[in-house]
Amino acid sequence: MNGYITAMDLIPYPIGPLNPKVQDLLLALPLFALVYVLIARILPRMNRVLAARDDAINGTRERADAVQARAERERAQTEALLAEARHDAARIRQDAHERGATLIAEAREDGQRRPPAHHPACPPR
């Protein structure tokens, strides 16, 4: 042997190509622990940042949805007011048309009943 103690020497079961030296294991274990501790400290901070970002995005989306819903309600109200105004305008036009037709008919009837008035500038007939 080369003077190194291997995991194979400690474990009686053969594990094939995975045959780390004990010195490598002793170095890898503290490094793994160090990386684990660093990640354990960084990960909650990352999660807080991601949660804050998600809340900001969802909050913005909820506000946008609320504004859009309010705009839809106001648009529907405006359309209802416009429809009512158009209906009123059509009714007023119809009333004016009927009144005008009545006045014209009355004027024609009145003109047919009366003899034409003699205007002083016109010679008599």
Foldseek 3Di string as FASTA:
>chain_A
DPPFAWVCNVDVDDDPPPIHTVVVVVVVVVVVVVVVVVCVVVVVVVVVVVVVVVCVVVVVVVVVVVVVVVVVVVVVVVVVVVVVVVVVVVVVVVVVVVVVVVVVVVVVVVPVPDDDDDDVVDDDD
